[in-house]
Structures are given as structure tokens and as C-alpha cells.
All heavy atoms as atom14 arrays in JSON, in Angstrom:
{
  "sequence": "FEDLAALSARRSARWRPGLAARQGPALHSEIFASSRDGAGAGAA",
  "atom14_mask": [
    [1, 1, 1, 1, 1, 1, 1, 1, 1, 1, 1, 0, 0, 0],
    [1, 1, 1, 1, 1, 1, 1, 1, 1, 0, 0, 0, 0, 0],
    [1, 1, 1, 1, 1, 1, 1, 1, 0, 0, 0, 0, 0, 0],
    [1, 1, 1, 1, 1, 1, 1, 1, 0, 0, 0, 0, 0, 0],
    [1, 1, 1, 1, 1, 0, 0, 0, 0, 0, 0, 0, 0, 0],
    [1, 1, 1, 1, 1, 0, 0, 0, 0, 0, 0, 0, 0, 0],
    [1, 1, 1, 1, 1, 1, 1, 1, 0, 0, 0, 0, 0, 0],
    [1, 1, 1, 1, 1, 1, 0, 0, 0, 0, 0, 0, 0, 0],
    [1, 1, 1, 1, 1, 0, 0, 0, 0, 0, 0, 0, 0, 0],
    [1, 1, 1, 1, 1, 1, 1, 1, 1, 1, 1, 0, 0, 0],
    [1, 1, 1, 1, 1, 1, 1, 1, 1, 1, 1, 0, 0, 0],
    [1, 1, 1, 1, 1, 1, 0, 0, 0, 0, 0, 0, 0, 0],
    [1, 1, 1, 1, 1, 0, 0, 0, 0, 0, 0, 0, 0, 0],
    [1, 1, 1, 1, 1, 1, 1, 1, 1, 1, 1, 0, 0, 0],
    [1, 1, 1, 1, 1, 1, 1, 1, 1, 1, 1, 1, 1, 1],
    [1, 1, 1, 1, 1, 1, 1, 1, 1, 1, 1, 0, 0, 0],
    [1, 1, 1, 1, 1, 1, 1, 0, 0, 0, 0, 0, 0, 0],
    [1, 1, 1, 1, 0, 0, 0, 0, 0, 0, 0, 0, 0, 0],
    [1, 1, 1, 1, 1, 1, 1, 1, 0, 0, 0, 0, 0, 0],
    [1, 1, 1, 1, 1, 0, 0, 0, 0, 0, 0, 0, 0, 0],
    [1, 1, 1, 1, 1, 0, 0, 0, 0, 0, 0, 0, 0, 0],
    [1, 1, 1, 1, 1, 1, 1, 1, 1, 1, 1, 0, 0, 0],
    [1, 1, 1, 1, 1, 1, 1, 1, 1, 0, 0, 0, 0, 0],
    [1, 1, 1, 1, 0, 0, 0, 0, 0, 0, 0, 0, 0, 0],
    [1, 1, 1, 1, 1, 1, 1, 0, 0, 0, 0, 0, 0, 0],
    [1, 1, 1, 1, 1, 0, 0, 0, 0, 0, 0, 0, 0, 0],
    [1, 1, 1, 1, 1, 1, 1, 1, 0, 0, 0, 0, 0, 0],
    [1, 1, 1, 1, 1, 1, 1, 1, 1, 1, 0, 0, 0, 0],
    [1, 1, 1, 1, 1, 1, 0, 0, 0, 0, 0, 0, 0, 0],
    [1, 1, 1, 1, 1, 1, 1, 1, 1, 0, 0, 0, 0, 0],
    [1, 1, 1, 1, 1, 1, 1, 1, 0, 0, 0, 0, 0, 0],
    [1, 1, 1, 1, 1, 1, 1, 1, 1, 1, 1, 0, 0, 0],
    [1, 1, 1, 1, 1, 0, 0, 0, 0, 0, 0, 0, 0, 0],
    [1, 1, 1, 1, 1, 1, 0, 0, 0, 0, 0, 0, 0, 0],
    [1, 1, 1, 1, 1, 1, 0, 0, 0, 0, 0, 0, 0, 0],
    [1, 1, 1, 1, 1, 1, 1, 1, 1, 1, 1, 0, 0, 0],
    [1, 1, 1, 1, 1, 1, 1, 1, 0, 0, 0, 0, 0, 0],
    [1, 1, 1, 1, 0, 0, 0, 0, 0, 0, 0, 0, 0, 0],
    [1, 1, 1, 1, 1, 0, 0, 0, 0, 0, 0, 0, 0, 0],
    [1, 1, 1, 1, 0, 0, 0, 0, 0, 0, 0, 0, 0, 0],
    [1, 1, 1, 1, 1, 0, 0, 0, 0, 0, 0, 0, 0, 0],
    [1, 1, 1, 1, 0, 0, 0, 0, 0, 0, 0, 0, 0, 0],
    [1, 1, 1, 1, 1, 0, 0, 0, 0, 0, 0, 0, 0, 0],
    [1, 1, 1, 1, 1, 0, 0, 0, 0, 0, 0, 0, 0, 0]
  ],
  "atom14_positions": [
    [[-110.51, 48.78, -92.07], [-111.06, 47.47, -91.76], [-112.58, 47.51, -91.7], [-113.25, 46.56, -92.07], [-110.47, 46.96, -90.44], [-108.99, 46.76, -90.49], [-108.14, 47.72, -89.97], [-108.44, 45.63, -91.07], [-106.77, 47.55, -90.02], [-107.08, 45.45, -91.11], [-106.23, 46.42, -90.6], [0.0, 0.0, 0.0], [0.0, 0.0, 0.0], [0.0, 0.0, 0.0]],
    [[-113.14, 48.62, -91.22], [-114.58, 48.74, -91.17], [-115.17, 48.78, -92.57], [-116.2, 48.18, -92.85], [-114.96, 49.99, -90.38], [-114.6, 49.88, -88.89], [-114.87, 51.18, -88.15], [-115.03, 52.21, -88.84], [-114.91, 51.16, -86.91], [0.0, 0.0, 0.0], [0.0, 0.0, 0.0], [0.0, 0.0, 0.0], [0.0, 0.0, 0.0], [0.0, 0.0, 0.0]],
    [[-114.5, 49.52, -93.48], [-114.97, 49.55, -94.87], [-114.87, 48.16, -95.49], [-115.77, 47.73, -96.23], [-114.14, 50.54, -95.68], [-114.38, 51.98, -95.25], [-115.41, 52.22, -94.58], [-113.55, 52.85, -95.58], [0.0, 0.0, 0.0], [0.0, 0.0, 0.0], [0.0, 0.0, 0.0], [0.0, 0.0, 0.0], [0.0, 0.0, 0.0], [0.0, 0.0, 0.0]],
    [[-113.79, 47.46, -95.21], [-113.62, 46.11, -95.75], [-114.67, 45.17, -95.19], [-115.21, 44.33, -95.9], [-112.23, 45.59, -95.43], [-111.94, 44.16, -95.91], [-111.94, 44.11, -97.42], [-110.63, 43.64, -95.36], [0.0, 0.0, 0.0], [0.0, 0.0, 0.0], [0.0, 0.0, 0.0], [0.0, 0.0, 0.0], [0.0, 0.0, 0.0], [0.0, 0.0, 0.0]],
    [[-114.98, 45.32, -93.9], [-115.99, 44.45, -93.3], [-117.35, 44.68, -93.94], [-118.1, 43.73, -94.19], [-116.05, 44.7, -91.79], [0.0, 0.0, 0.0], [0.0, 0.0, 0.0], [0.0, 0.0, 0.0], [0.0, 0.0, 0.0], [0.0, 0.0, 0.0], [0.0, 0.0, 0.0], [0.0, 0.0, 0.0], [0.0, 0.0, 0.0], [0.0, 0.0, 0.0]],
    [[-117.69, 45.95, -94.22], [-118.96, 46.24, -94.87], [-119.0, 45.67, -96.28], [-120.01, 45.1, -96.71], [-119.2, 47.75, -94.9], [0.0, 0.0, 0.0], [0.0, 0.0, 0.0], [0.0, 0.0, 0.0], [0.0, 0.0, 0.0], [0.0, 0.0, 0.0], [0.0, 0.0, 0.0], [0.0, 0.0, 0.0], [0.0, 0.0, 0.0], [0.0, 0.0, 0.0]],
    [[-117.88, 45.83, -97.0], [-117.82, 45.27, -98.35], [-117.89, 43.76, -98.32], [-118.58, 43.13, -99.13], [-116.53, 45.72, -99.04], [-116.28, 45.18, -100.46], [-117.38, 45.65, -101.4], [-114.91, 45.62, -100.96], [0.0, 0.0, 0.0], [0.0, 0.0, 0.0], [0.0, 0.0, 0.0], [0.0, 0.0, 0.0], [0.0, 0.0, 0.0], [0.0, 0.0, 0.0]],
    [[-117.2, 43.16, -97.36], [-117.19, 41.7, -97.26], [-118.58, 41.17, -96.93], [-118.98, 40.11, -97.4], [-116.18, 41.25, -96.2], [-116.2, 39.85, -96.05], [0.0, 0.0, 0.0], [0.0, 0.0, 0.0], [0.0, 0.0, 0.0], [0.0, 0.0, 0.0], [0.0, 0.0, 0.0], [0.0, 0.0, 0.0], [0.0, 0.0, 0.0], [0.0, 0.0, 0.0]],
    [[-119.33, 41.9, -96.11], [-120.67, 41.45, -95.76], [-121.58, 41.41, -96.99], [-122.42, 40.52, -97.12], [-121.27, 42.37, -94.7], [0.0, 0.0, 0.0], [0.0, 0.0, 0.0], [0.0, 0.0, 0.0], [0.0, 0.0, 0.0], [0.0, 0.0, 0.0], [0.0, 0.0, 0.0], [0.0, 0.0, 0.0], [0.0, 0.0, 0.0], [0.0, 0.0, 0.0]],
    [[-121.39, 42.38, -97.89], [-122.21, 42.38, -99.11], [-121.78, 41.32, -100.09], [-122.57, 40.84, -100.88], [-122.14, 43.77, -99.77], [-122.77, 44.88, -98.94], [-122.97, 46.12, -99.79], [-121.72, 46.66, -100.29], [-121.0, 47.57, -99.67], [-121.41, 48.06, -98.51], [-119.87, 48.02, -100.18], [0.0, 0.0, 0.0], [0.0, 0.0, 0.0], [0.0, 0.0, 0.0]],
    [[-120.5, 40.97, -100.07], [-119.97, 40.05, -101.07], [-119.71, 38.64, -100.54], [-119.22, 37.79, -101.25], [-118.64, 40.6, -101.6], [-118.76, 41.95, -102.27], [-119.2, 41.83, -103.69], [-118.18, 41.17, -104.5], [-118.36, 40.84, -105.77], [-119.49, 41.09, -106.36], [-117.39, 40.24, -106.44], [0.0, 0.0, 0.0], [0.0, 0.0, 0.0], [0.0, 0.0, 0.0]],
    [[-120.06, 38.41, -99.26], [-119.69, 37.14, -98.65], [-120.62, 35.99, -99.0], [-120.35, 34.86, -98.6], [-119.63, 37.3, -97.13], [-120.91, 37.65, -96.62], [0.0, 0.0, 0.0], [0.0, 0.0, 0.0], [0.0, 0.0, 0.0], [0.0, 0.0, 0.0], [0.0, 0.0, 0.0], [0.0, 0.0, 0.0], [0.0, 0.0, 0.0], [0.0, 0.0, 0.0]],
    [[-121.74, 36.28, -99.66], [-122.68, 35.22, -100.02], [-122.07, 34.39, -101.14], [-122.15, 34.74, -102.31], [-124.01, 35.83, -100.46], [0.0, 0.0, 0.0], [0.0, 0.0, 0.0], [0.0, 0.0, 0.0], [0.0, 0.0, 0.0], [0.0, 0.0, 0.0], [0.0, 0.0, 0.0], [0.0, 0.0, 0.0], [0.0, 0.0, 0.0], [0.0, 0.0, 0.0]],
    [[-121.44, 33.3, -100.75], [-120.78, 32.45, -101.72], [-121.81, 31.72, -102.59], [-122.87, 31.32, -102.11], [-119.9, 31.43, -101.02], [-118.73, 32.03, -100.27], [-117.63, 32.44, -101.22], [-116.44, 32.87, -100.5], [-115.33, 33.26, -101.1], [-115.26, 33.28, -102.41], [-114.29, 33.64, -100.39], [0.0, 0.0, 0.0], [0.0, 0.0, 0.0], [0.0, 0.0, 0.0]],
    [[-121.46, 31.53, -103.85], [-122.32, 30.73, -104.72], [-122.31, 29.28, -104.23], [-121.31, 28.79, -103.71], [-121.8, 30.79, -106.15], [-122.56, 29.88, -107.06], [-123.7, 30.17, -107.76], [-122.24, 28.51, -107.35], [-124.11, 29.06, -108.46], [-123.24, 28.04, -108.23], [-121.22, 27.65, -106.95], [-123.24, 26.73, -108.72], [-121.22, 26.35, -107.42], [-122.21, 25.9, -108.3]],
    [[-123.42, 28.6, -104.45], [-123.51, 27.17, -104.16], [-124.66, 26.59, -104.98], [-125.58, 27.33, -105.38], [-123.74, 26.92, -102.67], [-125.03, 27.51, -102.11], [-125.13, 27.3, -100.62], [-126.36, 27.83, -100.07], [-126.53, 29.09, -99.71], [-125.54, 29.95, -99.85], [-127.69, 29.5, -99.21], [0.0, 0.0, 0.0], [0.0, 0.0, 0.0], [0.0, 0.0, 0.0]],
    [[-124.64, 25.3, -105.24], [-125.75, 24.69, -105.99], [-127.08, 24.87, -105.27], [-127.15, 24.87, -104.04], [-125.35, 23.21, -106.05], [-123.87, 23.2, -105.91], [-123.55, 24.34, -104.98], [0.0, 0.0, 0.0], [0.0, 0.0, 0.0], [0.0, 0.0, 0.0], [0.0, 0.0, 0.0], [0.0, 0.0, 0.0], [0.0, 0.0, 0.0], [0.0, 0.0, 0.0]],
    [[-128.12, 25.04, -106.04], [-129.45, 25.2, -105.48], [-129.79, 26.59, -105.01], [-130.88, 26.83, -104.49], [0.0, 0.0, 0.0], [0.0, 0.0, 0.0], [0.0, 0.0, 0.0], [0.0, 0.0, 0.0], [0.0, 0.0, 0.0], [0.0, 0.0, 0.0], [0.0, 0.0, 0.0], [0.0, 0.0, 0.0], [0.0, 0.0, 0.0], [0.0, 0.0, 0.0]],
    [[-128.87, 27.55, -105.2], [-129.1, 28.9, -104.7], [-130.22, 29.61, -105.46], [-130.8, 30.57, -104.95], [-127.81, 29.71, -104.8], [-127.71, 30.98, -103.94], [-127.86, 30.65, -102.47], [-126.4, 31.7, -104.19], [0.0, 0.0, 0.0], [0.0, 0.0, 0.0], [0.0, 0.0, 0.0], [0.0, 0.0, 0.0], [0.0, 0.0, 0.0], [0.0, 0.0, 0.0]],
    [[-130.53, 29.12, -106.66], [-131.6, 29.76, -107.45], [-132.95, 29.67, -106.75], [-133.84, 30.48, -107.03], [-131.68, 29.1, -108.83], [0.0, 0.0, 0.0], [0.0, 0.0, 0.0], [0.0, 0.0, 0.0], [0.0, 0.0, 0.0], [0.0, 0.0, 0.0], [0.0, 0.0, 0.0], [0.0, 0.0, 0.0], [0.0, 0.0, 0.0], [0.0, 0.0, 0.0]],
    [[-133.13, 28.71, -105.84], [-134.4, 28.6, -105.14], [-134.66, 29.82, -104.27], [-135.82, 30.2, -104.05], [-134.4, 27.33, -104.27], [0.0, 0.0, 0.0], [0.0, 0.0, 0.0], [0.0, 0.0, 0.0], [0.0, 0.0, 0.0], [0.0, 0.0, 0.0], [0.0, 0.0, 0.0], [0.0, 0.0, 0.0], [0.0, 0.0, 0.0], [0.0, 0.0, 0.0]],
    [[-133.6, 30.48, -103.79], [-133.76, 31.67, -102.94], [-133.56, 32.96, -103.71], [-134.28, 33.93, -103.49], [-132.76, 31.62, -101.78], [-133.08, 30.59, -100.73], [-132.32, 30.86, -99.45], [-130.93, 31.25, -99.7], [-130.17, 31.85, -98.8], [-130.65, 32.15, -97.62], [-128.92, 32.14, -99.08], [0.0, 0.0, 0.0], [0.0, 0.0, 0.0], [0.0, 0.0, 0.0]],
    [[-132.58, 32.99, -104.6], [-132.21, 34.24, -105.26], [-132.66, 34.32, -106.71], [-132.48, 35.35, -107.34], [-130.7, 34.44, -105.18], [-130.16, 34.53, -103.77], [-128.68, 34.81, -103.74], [-128.01, 34.86, -104.77], [-128.12, 34.99, -102.55], [0.0, 0.0, 0.0], [0.0, 0.0, 0.0], [0.0, 0.0, 0.0], [0.0, 0.0, 0.0], [0.0, 0.0, 0.0]],
    [[-133.22, 33.24, -107.23], [-133.57, 33.22, -108.64], [-132.37, 32.82, -109.48], [-131.23, 32.86, -109.02], [0.0, 0.0, 0.0], [0.0, 0.0, 0.0], [0.0, 0.0, 0.0], [0.0, 0.0, 0.0], [0.0, 0.0, 0.0], [0.0, 0.0, 0.0], [0.0, 0.0, 0.0], [0.0, 0.0, 0.0], [0.0, 0.0, 0.0], [0.0, 0.0, 0.0]],
    [[-132.59, 32.45, -110.73], [-131.49, 31.98, -111.58], [-130.6, 33.12, -112.05], [-131.03, 34.28, -112.1], [-132.22, 31.31, -112.76], [-133.51, 32.08, -112.85], [-133.89, 32.42, -111.44], [0.0, 0.0, 0.0], [0.0, 0.0, 0.0], [0.0, 0.0, 0.0], [0.0, 0.0, 0.0], [0.0, 0.0, 0.0], [0.0, 0.0, 0.0], [0.0, 0.0, 0.0]],
    [[-129.36, 32.77, -112.38], [-128.47, 33.73, -113.03], [-128.89, 33.81, -114.49], [-128.73, 32.85, -115.25], [-127.02, 33.28, -112.9], [0.0, 0.0, 0.0], [0.0, 0.0, 0.0], [0.0, 0.0, 0.0], [0.0, 0.0, 0.0], [0.0, 0.0, 0.0], [0.0, 0.0, 0.0], [0.0, 0.0, 0.0], [0.0, 0.0, 0.0], [0.0, 0.0, 0.0]],
    [[-129.42, 34.94, -114.9], [-130.07, 35.01, -116.2], [-129.09, 35.11, -117.37], [-129.47, 34.87, -118.5], [-131.05, 36.19, -116.22], [-132.29, 35.98, -115.35], [-133.15, 37.23, -115.32], [-133.1, 34.79, -115.83], [0.0, 0.0, 0.0], [0.0, 0.0, 0.0], [0.0, 0.0, 0.0], [0.0, 0.0, 0.0], [0.0, 0.0, 0.0], [0.0, 0.0, 0.0]],
    [[-127.84, 35.48, -117.12], [-126.86, 35.52, -118.21], [-125.52, 35.08, -117.64], [-124.89, 35.81, -116.88], [-126.76, 36.92, -118.81], [-125.82, 37.0, -119.98], [-125.46, 38.2, -120.57], [-125.16, 36.05, -120.67], [-124.62, 37.96, -121.57], [-124.42, 36.66, -121.64], [0.0, 0.0, 0.0], [0.0, 0.0, 0.0], [0.0, 0.0, 0.0], [0.0, 0.0, 0.0]],
    [[-125.1, 33.89, -118.01], [-123.83, 33.34, -117.55], [-122.95, 33.01, -118.74], [-123.45, 32.61, -119.8], [-124.05, 32.07, -116.71], [-124.84, 32.32, -115.58], [0.0, 0.0, 0.0], [0.0, 0.0, 0.0], [0.0, 0.0, 0.0], [0.0, 0.0, 0.0], [0.0, 0.0, 0.0], [0.0, 0.0, 0.0], [0.0, 0.0, 0.0], [0.0, 0.0, 0.0]],
    [[-121.63, 33.18, -118.55], [-120.66, 32.77, -119.56], [-119.74, 31.72, -118.96], [-119.33, 31.84, -117.81], [-119.83, 33.97, -120.05], [-120.59, 34.9, -120.98], [-119.69, 35.97, -121.58], [-118.63, 36.26, -120.99], [-120.05, 36.51, -122.63], [0.0, 0.0, 0.0], [0.0, 0.0, 0.0], [0.0, 0.0, 0.0], [0.0, 0.0, 0.0], [0.0, 0.0, 0.0]],
    [[-119.43, 30.69, -119.76], [-118.57, 29.6, -119.31], [-117.41, 29.5, -120.29], [-117.61, 29.13, -121.46], [-119.34, 28.27, -119.24], [-120.46, 28.35, -118.2], [-118.39, 27.13, -118.88], [-121.79, 28.78, -118.76], [0.0, 0.0, 0.0], [0.0, 0.0, 0.0], [0.0, 0.0, 0.0], [0.0, 0.0, 0.0], [0.0, 0.0, 0.0], [0.0, 0.0, 0.0]],
    [[-116.21, 29.86, -119.84], [-115.01, 29.78, -120.67], [-114.39, 28.4, -120.5], [-114.23, 27.91, -119.38], [-114.01, 30.86, -120.27], [-114.41, 32.25, -120.68], [-115.37, 32.95, -119.97], [-113.83, 32.86, -121.79], [-115.75, 34.22, -120.34], [-114.2, 34.14, -122.17], [-115.17, 34.81, -121.45], [0.0, 0.0, 0.0], [0.0, 0.0, 0.0], [0.0, 0.0, 0.0]],
    [[-114.06, 27.77, -121.62], [-113.52, 26.41, -121.56], [-112.7, 26.14, -122.8], [-112.88, 26.77, -123.85], [-114.64, 25.38, -121.43], [0.0, 0.0, 0.0], [0.0, 0.0, 0.0], [0.0, 0.0, 0.0], [0.0, 0.0, 0.0], [0.0, 0.0, 0.0], [0.0, 0.0, 0.0], [0.0, 0.0, 0.0], [0.0, 0.0, 0.0], [0.0, 0.0, 0.0]],
    [[-111.81, 25.17, -122.68], [-111.03, 24.7, -123.82], [-111.82, 23.66, -124.59], [-112.57, 22.87, -124.0], [-109.7, 24.12, -123.35], [-109.04, 23.46, -124.41], [0.0, 0.0, 0.0], [0.0, 0.0, 0.0], [0.0, 0.0, 0.0], [0.0, 0.0, 0.0], [0.0, 0.0, 0.0], [0.0, 0.0, 0.0], [0.0, 0.0, 0.0], [0.0, 0.0, 0.0]],
    [[-111.66, 23.65, -125.9], [-112.35, 22.65, -126.72], [-111.68, 21.29, -126.63], [-112.21, 20.3, -127.13], [-112.39, 23.11, -128.18], [-111.07, 23.26, -128.69], [0.0, 0.0, 0.0], [0.0, 0.0, 0.0], [0.0, 0.0, 0.0], [0.0, 0.0, 0.0], [0.0, 0.0, 0.0], [0.0, 0.0, 0.0], [0.0, 0.0, 0.0], [0.0, 0.0, 0.0]],
    [[-110.51, 21.21, -125.98], [-109.76, 19.95, -125.94], [-110.35, 18.93, -124.98], [-110.15, 17.73, -125.17], [-108.3, 20.21, -125.58], [-107.53, 21.01, -126.61], [-106.06, 21.03, -126.29], [-105.79, 21.7, -125.04], [-105.58, 23.01, -124.91], [-105.62, 23.79, -125.99], [-105.32, 23.55, -123.73], [0.0, 0.0, 0.0], [0.0, 0.0, 0.0], [0.0, 0.0, 0.0]],
    [[-111.05, 19.39, -123.92], [-111.56, 18.42, -122.95], [-113.08, 18.36, -122.87], [-113.63, 17.59, -122.09], [-111.0, 18.71, -121.56], [-111.33, 20.11, -121.07], [-112.13, 20.79, -121.72], [-110.79, 20.51, -120.02], [0.0, 0.0, 0.0], [0.0, 0.0, 0.0], [0.0, 0.0, 0.0], [0.0, 0.0, 0.0], [0.0, 0.0, 0.0], [0.0, 0.0, 0.0]],
    [[-113.78, 19.16, -123.66], [-115.24, 19.08, -123.7], [-115.93, 19.47, -122.41], [-117.05, 19.04, -122.14], [0.0, 0.0, 0.0], [0.0, 0.0, 0.0], [0.0, 0.0, 0.0], [0.0, 0.0, 0.0], [0.0, 0.0, 0.0], [0.0, 0.0, 0.0], [0.0, 0.0, 0.0], [0.0, 0.0, 0.0], [0.0, 0.0, 0.0], [0.0, 0.0, 0.0]],
    [[-115.27, 20.3, -121.59], [-115.85, 20.64, -120.3], [-116.93, 21.7, -120.4], [-117.83, 21.75, -119.56], [-114.75, 21.12, -119.35], [0.0, 0.0, 0.0], [0.0, 0.0, 0.0], [0.0, 0.0, 0.0], [0.0, 0.0, 0.0], [0.0, 0.0, 0.0], [0.0, 0.0, 0.0], [0.0, 0.0, 0.0], [0.0, 0.0, 0.0], [0.0, 0.0, 0.0]],
    [[-116.86, 22.56, -121.4], [-117.73, 23.72, -121.45], [-119.2, 23.38, -121.52], [-120.0, 23.83, -120.68], [0.0, 0.0, 0.0], [0.0, 0.0, 0.0], [0.0, 0.0, 0.0], [0.0, 0.0, 0.0], [0.0, 0.0, 0.0], [0.0, 0.0, 0.0], [0.0, 0.0, 0.0], [0.0, 0.0, 0.0], [0.0, 0.0, 0.0], [0.0, 0.0, 0.0]],
    [[-119.6, 22.58, -122.51], [-121.01, 22.26, -122.69], [-121.55, 21.47, -121.5], [-122.67, 21.71, -121.03], [-121.2, 21.48, -123.99], [0.0, 0.0, 0.0], [0.0, 0.0, 0.0], [0.0, 0.0, 0.0], [0.0, 0.0, 0.0], [0.0, 0.0, 0.0], [0.0, 0.0, 0.0], [0.0, 0.0, 0.0], [0.0, 0.0, 0.0], [0.0, 0.0, 0.0]],
    [[-120.76, 20.52, -120.98], [-121.21, 19.72, -119.85], [-121.43, 20.56, -118.61], [-122.44, 20.42, -117.91], [0.0, 0.0, 0.0], [0.0, 0.0, 0.0], [0.0, 0.0, 0.0], [0.0, 0.0, 0.0], [0.0, 0.0, 0.0], [0.0, 0.0, 0.0], [0.0, 0.0, 0.0], [0.0, 0.0, 0.0], [0.0, 0.0, 0.0], [0.0, 0.0, 0.0]],
    [[-120.48, 21.47, -118.31], [-120.61, 22.32, -117.13], [-121.77, 23.3, -117.3], [-122.52, 23.56, -116.35], [-119.31, 23.07, -116.88], [0.0, 0.0, 0.0], [0.0, 0.0, 0.0], [0.0, 0.0, 0.0], [0.0, 0.0, 0.0], [0.0, 0.0, 0.0], [0.0, 0.0, 0.0], [0.0, 0.0, 0.0], [0.0, 0.0, 0.0], [0.0, 0.0, 0.0]],
    [[-121.93, 23.84, -118.49], [-123.04, 24.77, -118.74], [-124.38, 24.08, -118.54], [-125.3, 24.63, -117.92], [-122.94, 25.34, -120.15], [0.0, 0.0, 0.0], [0.0, 0.0, 0.0], [0.0, 0.0, 0.0], [0.0, 0.0, 0.0], [0.0, 0.0, 0.0], [0.0, 0.0, 0.0], [0.0, 0.0, 0.0], [0.0, 0.0, 0.0], [0.0, 0.0, 0.0]]
  ]
}
């Protein structure tokens, strides 16, 4: 549990909008999407 708590502390920073102001932008992102609903380009 102690190992899990340490790992969780490092990984607990959940993503949220506007986070680039503190951590900088994600410089390489991939967005998987189906071509049937056109979600990929809009979300990207």
C-alpha cells in the first residue's frame, strides 16, 4: 500500500483544461477517432 500510495501521488495529477498554463503544452498528442462522426478533428 505504501508503494501504491507513492505511485498514486506521482500519477494523481489529473488532466484538466487550462493545465498548460502551469505545466506547459503537451507537445505531441494523438487523438484516435472514427471517421463516421467527425469527432477527431474537432476534439484535436
